[in-house]
Protein backbone atom coordinates (compact mmCIF):
# COMPACT_ATOMS: atom_id res chain seq x y z
CA MET A 1 -4.56 5.68 18.79
CA ALA A 2 -3.49 4.45 15.39
CA ASP A 3 -5.29 1.46 14.01
CA GLY A 4 -3.60 -1.81 14.95
CA THR A 5 -1.91 -3.69 12.15
CA SER A 6 -0.38 -7.09 11.54
CA ILE A 7 1.43 -5.90 8.41
CA GLU A 8 5.09 -6.84 8.84
CA TRP A 9 6.59 -3.83 7.06
CA THR A 10 4.86 -1.10 9.05
CA GLU A 11 3.98 -0.22 12.65
CA ALA A 12 0.50 1.31 12.40
CA SER A 13 -2.19 2.21 9.89
CA TRP A 14 -4.14 5.44 9.43
CA ASN A 15 -7.29 5.69 7.34
CA PRO A 16 -8.33 9.28 6.58
CA THR A 17 -10.32 7.76 3.71
CA THR A 18 -12.04 4.39 3.41
CA GLY A 19 -13.48 2.45 0.51
CA CYS A 20 -12.30 1.63 -2.98
CA ASP A 21 -13.15 -0.10 -6.28
CA ARG A 22 -11.50 -3.05 -7.98
CA VAL A 23 -9.26 -1.95 -10.86
CA SER A 24 -7.05 -4.96 -11.66
CA VAL A 25 -6.63 -8.67 -10.92
CA GLY A 26 -4.72 -7.89 -7.73
CA CYS A 27 -8.02 -6.63 -6.31
CA ASP A 28 -10.01 -9.81 -6.94
CA ASN A 29 -9.72 -11.12 -3.37
CA CYS A 30 -9.41 -7.77 -1.59
CA TYR A 31 -9.13 -8.21 2.18
CA ALA A 32 -10.32 -4.64 2.80
CA MET A 33 -13.56 -5.21 0.92
CA THR A 34 -14.33 -8.30 2.97
CA LEU A 35 -13.44 -6.55 6.21
CA SER A 36 -15.52 -3.48 5.34
CA LYS A 37 -18.64 -5.62 4.94
CA ARG A 38 -18.07 -7.02 8.42
CA LEU A 39 -17.39 -3.58 9.91
CA LYS A 40 -20.58 -2.19 8.35
CA ALA A 41 -22.60 -4.99 9.97
CA MET A 42 -20.97 -4.16 13.31
CA GLY A 43 -22.05 -0.53 12.98
CA ALA A 44 -18.58 0.99 12.57
CA PRO A 45 -19.20 4.63 11.58
CA LYS A 46 -16.51 4.79 8.90
CA TYR A 47 -17.99 1.86 7.00
CA GLN A 48 -21.61 2.82 6.39
CA THR A 49 -21.15 3.99 2.79
CA ASP A 50 -21.83 1.27 0.24
CA GLY A 51 -19.93 0.98 -3.01
CA ASP A 52 -20.99 -0.06 -6.51
CA PRO A 53 -21.73 -3.81 -6.25
CA ARG A 54 -19.95 -4.40 -9.56
CA THR A 55 -16.61 -3.10 -8.30
CA SER A 56 -16.97 -2.54 -4.57
CA GLY A 57 -19.39 -3.69 -1.86
CA PRO A 58 -21.21 -3.02 1.43
CA GLY A 59 -19.37 -0.51 3.59
CA PHE A 60 -16.67 -0.11 0.95
CA GLY A 61 -17.88 3.01 -0.83
CA VAL A 62 -15.28 5.77 -0.97
CA ALA A 63 -15.65 8.16 1.96
CA VAL A 64 -13.40 10.85 3.44
CA HIS A 65 -13.05 11.32 7.19
CA PRO A 66 -11.85 14.83 8.13
CA GLU A 67 -12.04 13.91 11.82
CA SER A 68 -9.27 11.37 11.29
CA LEU A 69 -6.84 14.12 10.25
CA LEU A 70 -6.24 14.88 13.92
CA LEU A 71 -5.06 11.39 14.86
CA PRO A 72 -1.35 11.65 13.96
CA TYR A 73 -1.00 14.65 16.27
CA ALA A 74 -2.03 12.47 19.22
CA TRP A 75 0.69 9.83 18.71
CA ARG A 76 3.40 10.61 21.24
CA THR A 77 6.30 8.80 19.60
CA PRO A 78 7.34 8.75 15.93
CA ARG A 79 6.25 5.62 14.10
CA THR A 80 6.03 4.15 10.61
CA VAL A 81 2.46 4.52 9.36
CA PHE A 82 0.73 2.85 6.41
CA VAL A 83 -1.72 5.40 5.02
CA ASN A 84 -5.09 3.98 3.95
CA SER A 85 -4.86 0.27 4.49
CA MET A 86 -8.63 0.33 3.80
CA SER A 87 -8.66 2.63 0.78
CA ASP A 88 -6.65 4.30 -1.98
CA LEU A 89 -5.78 7.94 -1.37
CA PHE A 90 -5.51 8.57 -5.12
CA HIS A 91 -8.93 7.15 -6.01
CA ALA A 92 -10.75 9.47 -8.41
CA ARG A 93 -13.46 10.10 -5.83
CA VAL A 94 -11.04 11.47 -3.23
CA PRO A 95 -10.95 15.25 -3.89
CA LEU A 96 -7.58 16.88 -4.45
CA PRO A 97 -8.16 19.41 -1.62
CA PHE A 98 -8.59 16.52 0.81
CA ILE A 99 -5.45 14.79 -0.49
CA LYS A 100 -3.61 18.06 0.16
CA GLN A 101 -4.98 18.12 3.71
CA VAL A 102 -3.66 14.60 4.30
CA PHE A 103 -0.24 15.65 3.02
CA ALA A 104 -0.31 18.75 5.22
CA VAL A 105 -0.82 16.53 8.27
CA MET A 106 2.03 14.28 7.20
CA THR A 107 4.26 17.30 6.70
CA ASP A 108 3.38 18.61 10.14
CA THR A 109 3.95 15.42 12.15
CA PRO A 110 7.13 13.45 13.00
CA HIS A 111 6.15 10.06 11.57
CA THR A 112 7.25 8.12 8.50
CA TYR A 113 4.28 7.64 6.16
CA GLN A 114 3.93 4.88 3.56
CA VAL A 115 1.31 5.64 0.89
CA LEU A 116 0.37 2.94 -1.62
CA THR A 117 -1.82 3.24 -4.70
CA LYS A 118 -3.00 1.36 -7.76
CA ARG A 119 -4.05 4.67 -9.34
CA ALA A 120 -0.57 5.49 -10.60
CA ARG A 121 -1.83 7.58 -13.49
CA ARG A 122 -3.76 9.97 -11.26
CA LEU A 123 -0.84 10.05 -8.85
CA ARG A 124 1.45 11.20 -11.66
CA GLN A 125 -1.07 13.72 -12.98
CA ILE A 126 -1.48 15.56 -9.67
CA ALA A 127 1.93 14.97 -8.06
CA HIS A 128 3.11 18.46 -9.03
CA LYS A 129 0.18 19.99 -7.14
CA ILE A 130 1.26 18.41 -3.84
CA GLU A 131 4.04 19.36 -1.43
CA TRP A 132 6.18 16.25 -0.83
CA PRO A 133 7.83 16.18 2.62
CA ASP A 134 10.85 13.97 3.29
CA ASN A 135 8.87 11.65 5.60
CA VAL A 136 6.49 10.38 2.90
CA TRP A 137 7.27 7.19 0.99
CA MET A 138 5.15 6.66 -2.13
CA GLY A 139 4.48 3.26 -3.64
CA VAL A 140 2.47 1.52 -6.34
CA SER A 141 1.09 -2.01 -6.44
CA VAL A 142 2.59 -4.21 -9.15
CA GLU A 143 1.06 -7.69 -9.20
CA ASN A 144 1.99 -8.90 -12.70
CA ALA A 145 3.53 -7.81 -15.98
CA ASP A 146 0.37 -5.99 -17.07
CA THR A 147 0.66 -3.56 -14.16
CA MET A 148 4.37 -2.74 -14.54
CA VAL A 149 3.42 0.49 -16.33
CA ARG A 150 2.62 1.87 -12.87
CA ILE A 151 6.35 1.91 -12.14
CA HIS A 152 6.93 4.38 -14.96
CA ASP A 153 4.31 6.73 -13.51
CA LEU A 154 5.84 6.43 -10.04
CA ARG A 155 9.24 7.60 -11.29
CA HIS A 156 7.72 11.01 -12.01
CA VAL A 157 6.73 11.50 -8.37
CA PRO A 158 9.17 13.53 -6.20
CA ALA A 159 8.80 11.34 -3.10
CA ALA A 160 11.73 10.80 -0.73
CA VAL A 161 11.34 7.03 -1.21
CA ARG A 162 9.54 5.37 -4.12
CA PHE A 163 8.57 1.75 -3.53
CA LEU A 164 6.80 -1.20 -5.12
CA SER A 165 4.38 -3.59 -3.46
CA CYS A 166 4.46 -6.79 -5.50
CA GLU A 167 1.74 -8.40 -3.41
CA PRO A 168 -0.13 -10.43 -4.23
CA LEU A 169 2.48 -11.44 -6.78
CA LEU A 170 0.38 -13.12 -9.48
CA GLY A 171 2.89 -13.52 -12.27
CA PRO A 172 6.51 -12.91 -13.29
CA LEU A 173 7.84 -9.37 -13.68
CA PRO A 174 10.17 -9.79 -16.65
CA GLY A 175 12.80 -7.13 -17.17
CA LEU A 176 11.92 -5.40 -13.90
CA ASP A 177 13.63 -1.99 -14.05
CA LEU A 178 14.20 -0.53 -10.59
CA THR A 179 15.68 2.77 -11.71
CA GLY A 180 14.49 5.41 -9.26
CA ILE A 181 12.94 2.83 -6.92
CA GLY A 182 14.15 2.68 -3.31
CA TRP A 183 12.36 -0.37 -1.88
CA VAL A 184 10.44 -3.46 -3.00
CA ILE A 185 7.97 -5.61 -1.06
CA ALA A 186 6.88 -8.98 -2.45
CA GLY A 187 4.54 -11.66 -1.22
CA GLY A 188 1.90 -14.23 -2.03
CA GLU A 189 -1.86 -13.95 -1.65
CA SER A 190 -3.69 -15.19 1.44
CA GLY A 191 -7.29 -16.10 2.13
CA PRO A 192 -9.73 -18.89 1.22
CA ARG A 193 -9.50 -18.06 -2.50
CA HIS A 194 -5.77 -17.35 -2.62
CA ARG A 195 -3.92 -17.83 -5.89
CA PRO A 196 -0.56 -19.60 -5.49
CA MET A 197 2.70 -17.79 -6.17
CA ASP A 198 5.34 -19.53 -8.26
CA PRO A 199 8.68 -19.43 -6.37
CA ASP A 200 10.44 -18.33 -9.55
CA TRP A 201 8.37 -15.12 -9.58
CA ALA A 202 9.59 -14.25 -6.08
CA PHE A 203 13.18 -15.21 -6.89
CA GLY A 204 13.02 -12.98 -9.96
CA VAL A 205 12.00 -9.94 -7.92
CA ARG A 206 14.61 -10.66 -5.27
CA ASP A 207 17.36 -11.04 -7.85
CA ALA A 208 16.36 -7.80 -9.60
CA CYS A 209 16.62 -6.03 -6.25
CA ALA A 210 20.04 -7.54 -5.58
CA ALA A 211 21.31 -6.47 -8.99
CA ALA A 212 20.03 -2.92 -8.52
CA GLU A 213 21.08 -2.76 -4.83
CA VAL A 214 17.50 -2.00 -3.80
CA PRO A 215 16.25 -3.15 -0.34
CA PHE A 216 13.96 -6.19 -0.61
CA PHE A 217 11.26 -7.25 1.84
CA PHE A 218 9.61 -10.66 1.46
CA LYS A 219 6.33 -10.55 3.35
CA GLN A 220 4.88 -14.06 2.98
CA TRP A 221 4.29 -17.06 0.73
CA GLY A 222 0.55 -16.82 1.34
CA GLY A 223 -2.03 -19.54 1.68
CA ARG A 224 -5.32 -19.88 3.47
CA THR A 225 -3.90 -17.65 6.22
CA PRO A 226 -1.11 -15.07 5.84
CA LYS A 227 1.32 -17.12 7.92
CA ALA A 228 0.33 -20.53 6.54
CA ALA A 229 3.53 -21.05 4.55
CA GLY A 230 5.89 -18.80 6.46
CA ARG A 231 8.13 -15.96 5.32
CA GLU A 232 11.43 -17.60 4.41
CA LEU A 233 12.60 -17.25 0.84
CA ASP A 234 15.45 -19.51 -0.18
CA GLY A 235 15.98 -20.36 3.49
CA GLU A 236 16.26 -16.73 4.62
CA LEU A 237 14.13 -13.93 5.99
CA TRP A 238 14.28 -10.82 3.85
CA ASP A 239 13.42 -7.78 5.97
CA GLU A 240 15.41 -5.08 4.22
CA MET A 241 14.12 -1.52 4.51
CA PRO A 242 15.21 1.86 3.14
CA GLU A 243 16.69 4.29 5.59
CA ARG A 244 14.01 5.64 7.88
CA ALA A 245 13.13 9.29 7.46
CA VAL A 246 14.49 11.57 10.16
CA ALA A 247 11.85 12.87 12.57
CA LEU A 248 10.90 16.50 11.98
């Protein structure tokens, strides 16, 4: 079965790779790093590779799992799948041949796949070496103004849907240009060390989406727990999605 998920904008997660390294302030309180340490202690096979303690942690070293490539073939009904909730497929330590294998599985199965990366530069550099099926949505994380350059790299990727994950939103995104972008997710940080999100930052993203007629999904305000402050923005739930890819 697919890994269970509580992420509001997807139905399942699939981790053909695990592990990562912090690259920007959005990674400071990484839930996956904390969870990997716990999974390593529990003896979970995928989480026995340790990462560099300066940027990663116990159980969070980058590892590829060829055996996981078979999982999507076992799912009987089409579903929306977040690829690598516990990793970054475009991490420098994930070999290009393995990335191509992951894309081959996505091409060959009738699901809608959502891939998210902070390594937008590598994504852009190798995008032309990958076959991009219509059921793959490609996104980049954009947590503040310093990371908006990732959007420019994303525009060069021939994905059916290009999207932004502005979560955790840690600052305003002035002049947000959504040219070529088909979906935006925004939300605040959760956990014991969460950093608060200014409402104006969220309103700014929502208003940019409205102006550009781009679907907007507000995931959460954040807090000590993900649901601590709810999901309403300006008194409404924002659950807009791009059109779902047609099953193969």
